[in-house]
Amino acid sequence: MPTKKKINKKPKAPKRIKIPAKVFKYLEKAGVKHEILEHKTVYTAIDAAMTIKKKLNEIAKSLLVKADKDYYLVLMPADNNLNFEKLKKVIGKAKEKEIKAIKIPGEKIIENSLKIKAGTITAFGKLHKVGVIIDKKFEKVKKAVFAAGTPNYSIEMAVKDFIDLEQAIVGVVGEKKKIKKQVTVKPKKTRKKK
């Protein structure tokens, strides 16, 4: 009868979650209830929604904008486009001054001004030392998914907690994307001649 050999296996170390340390420390220090979601590599909010099976209005798209001389992180549902005029009004009202120009800076400017690598912006403006503006539409959902600063992880938390944590300005800044429906035309059937 064959004998079984005993093999000493070391217990596996728990899998390390690879969100940026500063994001992890920030959320832990704040004591805000949150969940870290792991997913396949995504680079857009729409891809994140499809990957983690969430509705588009529950995924926060993060955009850095420059309003006159100040930078702001603007969060809106993934199925919205930024409305520059509405954003001007929201910032102007909050800062009690007229905003003349709003621009979306290029990646190099984002990297240099926030001192981050391309594609690693988070939804947490305090980490980047910029103000946060969140679209009022998020108040209709209890929880939302926010960028964690890595393409493989996101943070899900209560919208109210996010607004309180970031001391975010709330206002309507986005509008639903207009999707053009494509019409498929079927070719006419022709009769074969006999």
N, C-alpha and C. Protein backbone atom coordinates (compact mmCIF):
# COMPACT_ATOMS: atom_id res chain seq x y z
N MET A 1 0.84 -1.19 0.00
CA MET A 1 0.00 0.00 0.00
C MET A 1 0.88 1.25 0.00
N PRO A 2 0.66 2.20 -0.96
CA PRO A 2 1.51 3.39 -1.01
C PRO A 2 1.25 4.29 0.19
N THR A 3 2.32 4.91 0.63
CA THR A 3 2.19 5.83 1.75
C THR A 3 2.07 7.25 1.24
N LYS A 4 1.31 8.03 1.97
CA LYS A 4 1.14 9.44 1.59
C LYS A 4 2.22 10.26 2.25
N LYS A 5 2.85 11.10 1.46
CA LYS A 5 3.87 12.00 2.00
C LYS A 5 3.19 13.25 2.55
N LYS A 6 3.68 13.68 3.64
CA LYS A 6 3.18 14.92 4.22
C LYS A 6 3.96 16.07 3.60
N ILE A 7 3.24 17.00 3.05
CA ILE A 7 3.89 18.17 2.47
C ILE A 7 3.50 19.36 3.32
N ASN A 8 4.50 20.05 3.81
CA ASN A 8 4.24 21.24 4.62
C ASN A 8 4.04 22.43 3.68
N LYS A 9 2.83 22.91 3.64
CA LYS A 9 2.54 24.09 2.81
C LYS A 9 2.40 25.29 3.72
N LYS A 10 3.00 26.36 3.28
CA LYS A 10 2.84 27.60 4.03
C LYS A 10 1.47 28.18 3.72
N PRO A 11 0.81 28.72 4.72
CA PRO A 11 -0.49 29.35 4.43
C PRO A 11 -0.29 30.54 3.51
N LYS A 12 -1.23 30.69 2.60
CA LYS A 12 -1.15 31.81 1.66
C LYS A 12 -1.41 33.12 2.38
N ALA A 13 -0.65 34.12 2.01
CA ALA A 13 -0.86 35.46 2.57
C ALA A 13 -2.15 36.01 2.00
N PRO A 14 -2.87 36.78 2.79
CA PRO A 14 -4.12 37.36 2.25
C PRO A 14 -3.79 38.27 1.06
N LYS A 15 -4.68 38.25 0.09
CA LYS A 15 -4.49 39.06 -1.11
C LYS A 15 -4.47 40.54 -0.74
N ARG A 16 -3.47 41.26 -1.23
CA ARG A 16 -3.33 42.68 -0.92
C ARG A 16 -4.16 43.50 -1.90
N ILE A 17 -4.95 44.37 -1.37
CA ILE A 17 -5.75 45.26 -2.22
C ILE A 17 -4.84 46.39 -2.65
N LYS A 18 -4.82 46.63 -3.94
CA LYS A 18 -3.85 47.57 -4.48
C LYS A 18 -4.44 48.93 -4.83
N ILE A 19 -5.13 49.54 -3.87
CA ILE A 19 -5.52 50.93 -4.10
C ILE A 19 -4.37 51.77 -3.55
N PRO A 20 -4.22 52.98 -4.04
CA PRO A 20 -3.13 53.81 -3.52
C PRO A 20 -3.20 53.96 -2.00
N ALA A 21 -2.04 53.88 -1.37
CA ALA A 21 -1.96 53.96 0.10
C ALA A 21 -2.60 55.24 0.63
N LYS A 22 -2.41 56.35 -0.09
CA LYS A 22 -2.97 57.61 0.43
C LYS A 22 -4.50 57.59 0.40
N VAL A 23 -5.10 56.89 -0.56
CA VAL A 23 -6.56 56.77 -0.61
C VAL A 23 -7.03 55.90 0.55
N PHE A 24 -6.35 54.77 0.75
CA PHE A 24 -6.70 53.86 1.84
C PHE A 24 -6.61 54.57 3.19
N LYS A 25 -5.49 55.28 3.43
CA LYS A 25 -5.30 55.98 4.70
C LYS A 25 -6.33 57.09 4.88
N TYR A 26 -6.62 57.81 3.81
CA TYR A 26 -7.59 58.90 3.85
C TYR A 26 -8.96 58.40 4.30
N LEU A 27 -9.42 57.30 3.70
CA LEU A 27 -10.74 56.76 4.04
C LEU A 27 -10.76 56.14 5.43
N GLU A 28 -9.68 55.47 5.80
CA GLU A 28 -9.60 54.86 7.14
C GLU A 28 -9.59 55.95 8.22
N LYS A 29 -8.80 57.00 7.99
CA LYS A 29 -8.70 58.09 8.97
C LYS A 29 -10.06 58.80 9.13
N ALA A 30 -10.77 58.95 8.01
CA ALA A 30 -12.07 59.62 8.04
C ALA A 30 -13.13 58.75 8.73
N GLY A 31 -12.89 57.45 8.77
CA GLY A 31 -13.85 56.55 9.40
C GLY A 31 -15.15 56.42 8.63
N VAL A 32 -15.09 56.65 7.34
CA VAL A 32 -16.28 56.59 6.49
C VAL A 32 -16.48 55.16 6.02
N LYS A 33 -17.70 54.67 6.17
CA LYS A 33 -18.02 53.32 5.71
C LYS A 33 -17.91 53.27 4.18
N HIS A 34 -17.15 52.31 3.69
CA HIS A 34 -16.96 52.19 2.25
C HIS A 34 -16.64 50.74 1.91
N GLU A 35 -16.74 50.42 0.63
CA GLU A 35 -16.39 49.09 0.16
C GLU A 35 -15.43 49.25 -1.01
N ILE A 36 -14.38 48.46 -1.02
CA ILE A 36 -13.41 48.49 -2.12
C ILE A 36 -13.84 47.41 -3.11
N LEU A 37 -14.09 47.82 -4.35
CA LEU A 37 -14.54 46.90 -5.39
C LEU A 37 -13.38 46.59 -6.33
N GLU A 38 -13.06 45.32 -6.49
CA GLU A 38 -12.04 44.91 -7.45
C GLU A 38 -12.74 44.54 -8.75
N HIS A 39 -12.13 44.91 -9.87
CA HIS A 39 -12.72 44.61 -11.18
C HIS A 39 -11.62 44.54 -12.22
N LYS A 40 -12.00 44.11 -13.43
CA LYS A 40 -11.01 44.07 -14.51
C LYS A 40 -10.57 45.50 -14.82
N THR A 41 -9.48 45.63 -15.51
CA THR A 41 -8.93 46.94 -15.84
C THR A 41 -9.92 47.73 -16.70
N VAL A 42 -10.27 48.93 -16.21
CA VAL A 42 -11.16 49.83 -16.97
C VAL A 42 -10.58 51.24 -16.95
N TYR A 43 -10.89 51.99 -17.99
CA TYR A 43 -10.38 53.36 -18.08
C TYR A 43 -11.49 54.40 -18.21
N THR A 44 -12.73 53.94 -18.29
CA THR A 44 -13.85 54.88 -18.38
C THR A 44 -14.93 54.49 -17.37
N ALA A 45 -15.74 55.44 -17.00
CA ALA A 45 -16.83 55.19 -16.05
C ALA A 45 -17.85 54.23 -16.66
N ILE A 46 -18.08 54.33 -17.95
CA ILE A 46 -19.04 53.44 -18.60
C ILE A 46 -18.53 52.00 -18.57
N ASP A 47 -17.23 51.80 -18.82
CA ASP A 47 -16.65 50.46 -18.73
C ASP A 47 -16.76 49.91 -17.31
N ALA A 48 -16.55 50.79 -16.32
CA ALA A 48 -16.67 50.37 -14.92
C ALA A 48 -18.09 49.89 -14.62
N ALA A 49 -19.08 50.62 -15.11
CA ALA A 49 -20.48 50.25 -14.88
C ALA A 49 -20.78 48.87 -15.46
N MET A 50 -20.32 48.62 -16.67
CA MET A 50 -20.57 47.32 -17.30
C MET A 50 -19.83 46.21 -16.58
N THR A 51 -18.61 46.49 -16.14
CA THR A 51 -17.79 45.48 -15.48
C THR A 51 -18.32 45.08 -14.12
N ILE A 52 -18.74 46.05 -13.32
CA ILE A 52 -19.19 45.72 -11.96
C ILE A 52 -20.71 45.65 -11.85
N LYS A 53 -21.37 45.65 -13.01
CA LYS A 53 -22.83 45.46 -13.06
C LYS A 53 -23.59 46.47 -12.23
N LYS A 54 -23.28 47.75 -12.42
CA LYS A 54 -23.99 48.84 -11.75
C LYS A 54 -24.65 49.70 -12.82
N LYS A 55 -25.68 50.42 -12.42
CA LYS A 55 -26.34 51.35 -13.34
C LYS A 55 -25.43 52.54 -13.58
N LEU A 56 -25.54 53.13 -14.76
CA LEU A 56 -24.70 54.27 -15.12
C LEU A 56 -24.86 55.44 -14.16
N ASN A 57 -26.07 55.62 -13.61
CA ASN A 57 -26.29 56.75 -12.71
C ASN A 57 -25.72 56.51 -11.31
N GLU A 58 -25.14 55.31 -11.08
CA GLU A 58 -24.50 55.00 -9.80
C GLU A 58 -22.97 55.09 -9.89
N ILE A 59 -22.45 55.38 -11.07
CA ILE A 59 -21.00 55.46 -11.29
C ILE A 59 -20.62 56.93 -11.46
N ALA A 60 -19.68 57.38 -10.64
CA ALA A 60 -19.24 58.78 -10.71
C ALA A 60 -18.09 58.92 -11.70
N LYS A 61 -18.35 59.71 -12.73
CA LYS A 61 -17.30 60.05 -13.69
C LYS A 61 -16.56 61.25 -13.12
N SER A 62 -15.23 61.18 -13.03
CA SER A 62 -14.42 62.26 -12.45
C SER A 62 -13.73 63.06 -13.56
N LEU A 63 -13.96 64.37 -13.56
CA LEU A 63 -13.31 65.25 -14.52
C LEU A 63 -12.61 66.38 -13.79
N LEU A 64 -11.39 66.67 -14.18
CA LEU A 64 -10.72 67.84 -13.62
C LEU A 64 -10.98 69.00 -14.56
N VAL A 65 -11.42 70.12 -14.01
CA VAL A 65 -11.66 71.32 -14.82
C VAL A 65 -10.91 72.49 -14.21
N LYS A 66 -10.63 73.46 -15.05
CA LYS A 66 -10.02 74.70 -14.59
C LYS A 66 -11.03 75.81 -14.83
N ALA A 67 -11.49 76.42 -13.74
CA ALA A 67 -12.44 77.53 -13.81
C ALA A 67 -11.66 78.79 -13.49
N ASP A 68 -11.45 79.60 -14.51
CA ASP A 68 -10.56 80.75 -14.43
C ASP A 68 -9.18 80.26 -13.96
N LYS A 69 -8.77 80.52 -12.72
CA LYS A 69 -7.44 80.10 -12.28
C LYS A 69 -7.47 78.91 -11.32
N ASP A 70 -8.67 78.46 -10.93
CA ASP A 70 -8.79 77.40 -9.92
C ASP A 70 -9.18 76.07 -10.56
N TYR A 71 -8.65 75.00 -9.98
CA TYR A 71 -9.00 73.65 -10.41
C TYR A 71 -10.10 73.07 -9.53
N TYR A 72 -10.97 72.26 -10.14
CA TYR A 72 -12.05 71.58 -9.43
C TYR A 72 -12.17 70.17 -9.99
N LEU A 73 -12.54 69.26 -9.13
CA LEU A 73 -12.86 67.91 -9.54
C LEU A 73 -14.38 67.85 -9.65
N VAL A 74 -14.87 67.55 -10.82
CA VAL A 74 -16.31 67.52 -11.07
C VAL A 74 -16.74 66.06 -11.22
N LEU A 75 -17.75 65.68 -10.45
CA LEU A 75 -18.27 64.31 -10.50
C LEU A 75 -19.70 64.33 -10.99
N MET A 76 -19.97 63.50 -11.98
CA MET A 76 -21.32 63.39 -12.51
C MET A 76 -21.59 61.95 -12.91
N PRO A 77 -22.86 61.57 -13.05
CA PRO A 77 -23.16 60.20 -13.45
C PRO A 77 -22.49 59.85 -14.79
N ALA A 78 -22.13 58.59 -14.93
CA ALA A 78 -21.40 58.13 -16.13
C ALA A 78 -22.17 58.38 -17.42
N ASP A 79 -23.49 58.46 -17.35
CA ASP A 79 -24.28 58.68 -18.56
C ASP A 79 -24.58 60.15 -18.82
N ASN A 80 -23.77 61.03 -18.22
CA ASN A 80 -23.95 62.48 -18.41
C ASN A 80 -22.73 63.09 -19.07
N ASN A 81 -22.96 64.17 -19.78
CA ASN A 81 -21.89 65.02 -20.31
C ASN A 81 -21.86 66.29 -19.49
N LEU A 82 -20.70 66.90 -19.41
CA LEU A 82 -20.56 68.15 -18.68
C LEU A 82 -21.22 69.28 -19.45
N ASN A 83 -22.01 70.09 -18.74
CA ASN A 83 -22.61 71.28 -19.32
C ASN A 83 -21.82 72.46 -18.75
N PHE A 84 -20.99 73.07 -19.58
CA PHE A 84 -20.09 74.12 -19.14
C PHE A 84 -20.83 75.33 -18.57
N GLU A 85 -21.95 75.69 -19.16
CA GLU A 85 -22.70 76.85 -18.68
C GLU A 85 -23.29 76.60 -17.29
N LYS A 86 -23.83 75.40 -17.09
CA LYS A 86 -24.37 75.06 -15.77
C LYS A 86 -23.26 75.03 -14.73
N LEU A 87 -22.10 74.50 -15.11
CA LEU A 87 -20.97 74.43 -14.18
C LEU A 87 -20.50 75.84 -13.81
N LYS A 88 -20.45 76.75 -14.78
CA LYS A 88 -20.07 78.14 -14.50
C LYS A 88 -20.99 78.74 -13.43
N LYS A 89 -22.30 78.49 -13.59
CA LYS A 89 -23.27 79.04 -12.63
C LYS A 89 -23.09 78.44 -11.24
N VAL A 90 -22.87 77.13 -11.17
CA VAL A 90 -22.71 76.46 -9.87
C VAL A 90 -21.48 76.98 -9.14
N ILE A 91 -20.35 77.06 -9.86
CA ILE A 91 -19.12 77.56 -9.23
C ILE A 91 -19.26 79.03 -8.88
N GLY A 92 -19.82 79.81 -9.79
CA GLY A 92 -20.02 81.25 -9.55
C GLY A 92 -20.86 81.52 -8.33
N LYS A 93 -21.93 80.76 -8.18
CA LYS A 93 -22.81 80.93 -7.01
C LYS A 93 -22.07 80.55 -5.73
N ALA A 94 -21.33 79.44 -5.75
CA ALA A 94 -20.61 78.98 -4.55
C ALA A 94 -19.48 79.94 -4.16
N LYS A 95 -18.80 80.50 -5.15
CA LYS A 95 -17.66 81.39 -4.89
C LYS A 95 -18.04 82.87 -4.88
N GLU A 96 -19.32 83.13 -5.16
CA GLU A 96 -19.83 84.50 -5.20
C GLU A 96 -19.03 85.40 -6.12
N LYS A 97 -18.72 84.87 -7.29
CA LYS A 97 -18.06 85.67 -8.33
C LYS A 97 -18.37 85.06 -9.69
N GLU A 98 -18.27 85.88 -10.70
CA GLU A 98 -18.55 85.41 -12.05
C GLU A 98 -17.37 84.59 -12.57
N ILE A 99 -17.67 83.45 -13.15
CA ILE A 99 -16.64 82.60 -13.75
C ILE A 99 -16.65 82.89 -15.25
N LYS A 100 -15.50 83.26 -15.76
CA LYS A 100 -15.41 83.64 -17.18
C LYS A 100 -15.14 82.47 -18.11
N ALA A 101 -14.23 81.57 -17.70
CA ALA A 101 -13.85 80.47 -18.60
C ALA A 101 -13.67 79.16 -17.84
N ILE A 102 -14.14 78.10 -18.46
CA ILE A 102 -13.93 76.75 -17.92
C ILE A 102 -13.29 75.92 -19.01
N LYS A 103 -12.22 75.21 -18.63
CA LYS A 103 -11.50 74.36 -19.58
C LYS A 103 -11.25 73.01 -18.95
N ILE A 104 -11.14 72.00 -19.78
CA ILE A 104 -10.69 70.69 -19.32
C ILE A 104 -9.22 70.59 -19.74
N PRO A 105 -8.30 70.57 -18.76
CA PRO A 105 -6.88 70.55 -19.11
C PRO A 105 -6.45 69.21 -19.72
N GLY A 106 -5.37 69.26 -20.48
CA GLY A 106 -4.81 68.04 -21.07
C GLY A 106 -4.14 67.18 -20.01
N GLU A 107 -3.81 65.95 -20.40
CA GLU A 107 -3.23 65.00 -19.44
C GLU A 107 -1.92 65.48 -18.83
N LYS A 108 -1.07 66.09 -19.60
CA LYS A 108 0.23 66.56 -19.07
C LYS A 108 0.02 67.63 -18.01
N ILE A 109 -0.93 68.52 -18.25
CA ILE A 109 -1.22 69.58 -17.27
C ILE A 109 -1.79 68.95 -15.99
N ILE A 110 -2.67 67.95 -16.17
CA ILE A 110 -3.23 67.26 -15.00
C ILE A 110 -2.11 66.60 -14.20
N GLU A 111 -1.22 65.88 -14.90
CA GLU A 111 -0.11 65.20 -14.23
C GLU A 111 0.77 66.20 -13.46
N ASN A 112 1.09 67.31 -14.09
CA ASN A 112 1.97 68.30 -13.47
C ASN A 112 1.30 69.07 -12.33
N SER A 113 0.06 69.48 -12.53
CA SER A 113 -0.59 70.30 -11.49
C SER A 113 -1.02 69.47 -10.28
N LEU A 114 -1.42 68.20 -10.50
CA LEU A 114 -1.83 67.35 -9.37
C LEU A 114 -0.71 66.42 -8.90
N LYS A 115 0.37 66.39 -9.66
CA LYS A 115 1.52 65.52 -9.35
C LYS A 115 1.09 64.06 -9.26
N ILE A 116 0.40 63.61 -10.32
CA ILE A 116 -0.04 62.21 -10.41
C ILE A 116 0.31 61.67 -11.79
N LYS A 117 0.27 60.35 -11.93
CA LYS A 117 0.46 59.70 -13.22
C LYS A 117 -0.86 59.72 -13.99
N ALA A 118 -0.78 59.63 -15.30
CA ALA A 118 -1.98 59.61 -16.14
C ALA A 118 -2.89 58.46 -15.72
N GLY A 119 -4.18 58.73 -15.64
CA GLY A 119 -5.16 57.71 -15.31
C GLY A 119 -5.27 57.35 -13.84
N THR A 120 -4.63 58.13 -12.96
CA THR A 120 -4.68 57.79 -11.53
C THR A 120 -5.42 58.83 -10.69
N ILE A 121 -6.22 59.64 -11.32
CA ILE A 121 -7.00 60.63 -10.57
C ILE A 121 -8.07 59.89 -9.75
N THR A 122 -8.30 60.35 -8.55
CA THR A 122 -9.34 59.76 -7.72
C THR A 122 -10.53 60.70 -7.69
N ALA A 123 -11.59 60.28 -7.03
CA ALA A 123 -12.76 61.13 -6.87
C ALA A 123 -12.63 62.02 -5.65
N PHE A 124 -11.52 61.88 -4.92
CA PHE A 124 -11.35 62.57 -3.64
C PHE A 124 -10.48 63.82 -3.83
N GLY A 125 -11.14 64.94 -4.03
CA GLY A 125 -10.47 66.20 -4.31
C GLY A 125 -9.52 66.66 -3.22
N LYS A 126 -9.85 66.36 -1.97
CA LYS A 126 -8.97 66.77 -0.87
C LYS A 126 -7.59 66.15 -1.01
N LEU A 127 -7.52 64.95 -1.55
CA LEU A 127 -6.21 64.30 -1.77
C LEU A 127 -5.40 65.05 -2.83
N HIS A 128 -6.10 65.66 -3.77
CA HIS A 128 -5.44 66.40 -4.85
C HIS A 128 -5.37 67.90 -4.57
N LYS A 129 -5.89 68.29 -3.41
CA LYS A 129 -5.93 69.70 -2.98
C LYS A 129 -6.72 70.57 -3.95
N VAL A 130 -7.88 70.05 -4.39
CA VAL A 130 -8.80 70.81 -5.24
C VAL A 130 -10.22 70.67 -4.70
N GLY A 131 -11.06 71.63 -5.01
CA GLY A 131 -12.45 71.57 -4.61
C GLY A 131 -13.20 70.51 -5.38
N VAL A 132 -14.31 70.05 -4.81
CA VAL A 132 -15.12 69.01 -5.46
C VAL A 132 -16.53 69.54 -5.72
N ILE A 133 -17.00 69.27 -6.92
CA ILE A 133 -18.38 69.60 -7.30
C ILE A 133 -19.03 68.30 -7.71
N ILE A 134 -20.17 68.00 -7.11
CA ILE A 134 -20.87 66.75 -7.44
C ILE A 134 -22.25 67.08 -7.97
N ASP A 135 -22.63 66.37 -9.02
CA ASP A 135 -23.93 66.61 -9.63
C ASP A 135 -25.06 66.22 -8.68
N LYS A 136 -26.05 67.07 -8.63
CA LYS A 136 -27.21 66.89 -7.75
C LYS A 136 -27.95 65.58 -8.03
N LYS A 137 -27.80 65.05 -9.23
CA LYS A 137 -28.49 63.80 -9.59
C LYS A 137 -28.07 62.64 -8.69
N PHE A 138 -26.88 62.72 -8.10
CA PHE A 138 -26.42 61.65 -7.21
C PHE A 138 -27.25 61.56 -5.92
N GLU A 139 -27.96 62.64 -5.58
CA GLU A 139 -28.78 62.60 -4.37
C GLU A 139 -29.95 61.61 -4.52
N LYS A 140 -30.23 61.19 -5.75
CA LYS A 140 -31.32 60.24 -5.99
C LYS A 140 -30.90 58.79 -5.72
N VAL A 141 -29.59 58.54 -5.63
CA VAL A 141 -29.11 57.19 -5.34
C VAL A 141 -28.48 57.19 -3.95
N LYS A 142 -28.63 56.08 -3.23
CA LYS A 142 -28.08 56.03 -1.88
C LYS A 142 -26.57 55.86 -1.90
N LYS A 143 -26.09 54.97 -2.79
CA LYS A 143 -24.66 54.70 -2.89
C LYS A 143 -24.20 54.95 -4.31
N ALA A 144 -22.92 55.31 -4.43
CA ALA A 144 -22.33 55.49 -5.75
C ALA A 144 -20.92 54.89 -5.72
N VAL A 145 -20.38 54.69 -6.91
CA VAL A 145 -19.05 54.12 -7.07
C VAL A 145 -18.12 55.23 -7.56
N PHE A 146 -17.01 55.39 -6.83
CA PHE A 146 -16.07 56.49 -7.10
C PHE A 146 -14.70 55.96 -7.50
N ALA A 147 -13.97 56.74 -8.29
CA ALA A 147 -12.62 56.36 -8.74
C ALA A 147 -11.66 56.29 -7.56
N ALA A 148 -10.88 55.21 -7.53
CA ALA A 148 -9.93 54.98 -6.43
C ALA A 148 -8.50 55.35 -6.80
N GLY A 149 -8.26 55.73 -8.05
CA GLY A 149 -6.91 56.09 -8.47
C GLY A 149 -6.14 54.95 -9.10
N THR A 150 -6.85 53.88 -9.44
CA THR A 150 -6.26 52.72 -10.11
C THR A 150 -7.31 52.12 -11.03
N PRO A 151 -6.91 51.58 -12.18
CA PRO A 151 -7.91 51.05 -13.12
C PRO A 151 -8.54 49.72 -12.71
N ASN A 152 -8.10 49.12 -11.61
CA ASN A 152 -8.62 47.83 -11.20
C ASN A 152 -9.47 47.85 -9.93
N TYR A 153 -9.62 49.03 -9.32
CA TYR A 153 -10.38 49.14 -8.08
C TYR A 153 -11.21 50.41 -8.09
N SER A 154 -12.35 50.33 -7.42
CA SER A 154 -13.21 51.50 -7.22
C SER A 154 -13.69 51.48 -5.78
N ILE A 155 -14.22 52.59 -5.32
CA ILE A 155 -14.73 52.72 -3.96
C ILE A 155 -16.24 52.95 -4.03
N GLU A 156 -17.00 52.11 -3.33
CA GLU A 156 -18.44 52.32 -3.23
C GLU A 156 -18.75 52.84 -1.84
N MET A 157 -19.52 53.91 -1.79
CA MET A 157 -19.90 54.48 -0.50
C MET A 157 -21.18 55.30 -0.64
N ALA A 158 -21.77 55.63 0.50
CA ALA A 158 -22.99 56.43 0.50
C ALA A 158 -22.67 57.82 -0.05
N VAL A 159 -23.54 58.31 -0.92
CA VAL A 159 -23.34 59.63 -1.52
C VAL A 159 -23.29 60.71 -0.44
N LYS A 160 -24.16 60.61 0.54
CA LYS A 160 -24.19 61.60 1.62
C LYS A 160 -22.84 61.65 2.34
N ASP A 161 -22.26 60.47 2.61
CA ASP A 161 -20.95 60.41 3.28
C ASP A 161 -19.87 61.05 2.42
N PHE A 162 -19.93 60.80 1.10
CA PHE A 162 -18.95 61.38 0.20
C PHE A 162 -19.05 62.90 0.21
N ILE A 163 -20.27 63.42 0.11
CA ILE A 163 -20.48 64.88 0.10
C ILE A 163 -19.96 65.50 1.38
N ASP A 164 -20.26 64.88 2.52
CA ASP A 164 -19.79 65.39 3.80
C ASP A 164 -18.26 65.33 3.90
N LEU A 165 -17.68 64.20 3.50
CA LEU A 165 -16.23 64.02 3.57
C LEU A 165 -15.48 65.05 2.74
N GLU A 166 -15.97 65.27 1.52
CA GLU A 166 -15.29 66.17 0.59
C GLU A 166 -15.74 67.62 0.71
N GLN A 167 -16.75 67.87 1.52
CA GLN A 167 -17.35 69.21 1.61
C GLN A 167 -17.64 69.71 0.18
N ALA A 168 -18.28 68.82 -0.57
CA ALA A 168 -18.52 69.06 -1.99
C ALA A 168 -19.62 70.08 -2.22
N ILE A 169 -19.46 70.82 -3.30
CA ILE A 169 -20.49 71.74 -3.79
C ILE A 169 -21.46 70.87 -4.60
N VAL A 170 -22.75 70.96 -4.30
CA VAL A 170 -23.76 70.16 -4.99
C VAL A 170 -24.54 71.07 -5.94
N GLY A 171 -24.65 70.64 -7.18
CA GLY A 171 -25.41 71.41 -8.17
C GLY A 171 -25.58 70.61 -9.44
N VAL A 172 -26.45 71.07 -10.32
CA VAL A 172 -26.66 70.38 -11.59
C VAL A 172 -25.60 70.86 -12.57
N VAL A 173 -24.71 69.95 -12.96
CA VAL A 173 -23.61 70.32 -13.87
C VAL A 173 -23.55 69.45 -15.12
N GLY A 174 -24.35 68.40 -15.15
CA GLY A 174 -24.33 67.49 -16.29
C GLY A 174 -25.68 67.39 -16.95
N GLU A 175 -25.67 66.75 -18.10
CA GLU A 175 -26.92 66.47 -18.80
C GLU A 175 -26.78 65.13 -19.48
N LYS A 176 -27.89 64.43 -19.60
CA LYS A 176 -27.88 63.09 -20.20
C LYS A 176 -27.22 63.13 -21.57
N LYS A 177 -26.41 62.12 -21.84
CA LYS A 177 -25.80 62.01 -23.16
C LYS A 177 -26.89 61.74 -24.19
N LYS A 178 -26.75 62.39 -25.31
CA LYS A 178 -27.69 62.15 -26.39
C LYS A 178 -27.09 61.07 -27.28
N ILE A 179 -27.77 59.94 -27.30
CA ILE A 179 -27.27 58.81 -28.08
C ILE A 179 -28.10 58.71 -29.35
N LYS A 180 -27.39 58.74 -30.47
CA LYS A 180 -28.07 58.62 -31.76
C LYS A 180 -28.34 57.16 -32.03
N LYS A 181 -29.58 56.86 -32.37
CA LYS A 181 -29.93 55.49 -32.71
C LYS A 181 -29.60 55.26 -34.17
N GLN A 182 -28.97 54.12 -34.41
CA GLN A 182 -28.64 53.77 -35.78
C GLN A 182 -29.77 52.94 -36.36
N VAL A 183 -30.16 53.27 -37.54
CA VAL A 183 -31.21 52.53 -38.22
C VAL A 183 -30.55 51.61 -39.22
N THR A 184 -30.91 50.34 -39.13
CA THR A 184 -30.36 49.36 -40.07
C THR A 184 -31.37 49.17 -41.18
N VAL A 185 -30.92 49.36 -42.39
CA VAL A 185 -31.79 49.19 -43.55
C VAL A 185 -31.48 47.84 -44.16
N LYS A 186 -32.52 47.00 -44.26
CA LYS A 186 -32.33 45.68 -44.85
C LYS A 186 -32.48 45.81 -46.37
N PRO A 187 -31.60 45.13 -47.08
CA PRO A 187 -31.71 45.20 -48.54
C PRO A 187 -33.00 44.50 -49.01
N LYS A 188 -33.55 45.02 -50.08
CA LYS A 188 -34.78 44.43 -50.63
C LYS A 188 -34.44 43.09 -51.25
N LYS A 189 -35.38 42.16 -51.08
CA LYS A 189 -35.20 40.85 -51.70
C LYS A 189 -35.57 40.97 -53.16
N THR A 190 -34.74 40.39 -53.96
CA THR A 190 -35.04 40.40 -55.40
C THR A 190 -35.42 38.99 -55.84
N ARG A 191 -36.30 38.95 -56.77
CA ARG A 191 -36.74 37.63 -57.28
C ARG A 191 -35.78 37.20 -58.36
N LYS A 192 -35.50 35.92 -58.31
CA LYS A 192 -34.67 35.35 -59.38
C LYS A 192 -35.51 35.18 -60.62
N LYS A 193 -34.93 35.50 -61.75
CA LYS A 193 -35.63 35.32 -63.02
C LYS A 193 -35.49 33.87 -63.42
N LYS A 194 -36.57 33.34 -63.98
CA LYS A 194 -36.55 31.94 -64.42
C LYS A 194 -36.15 31.82 -65.85
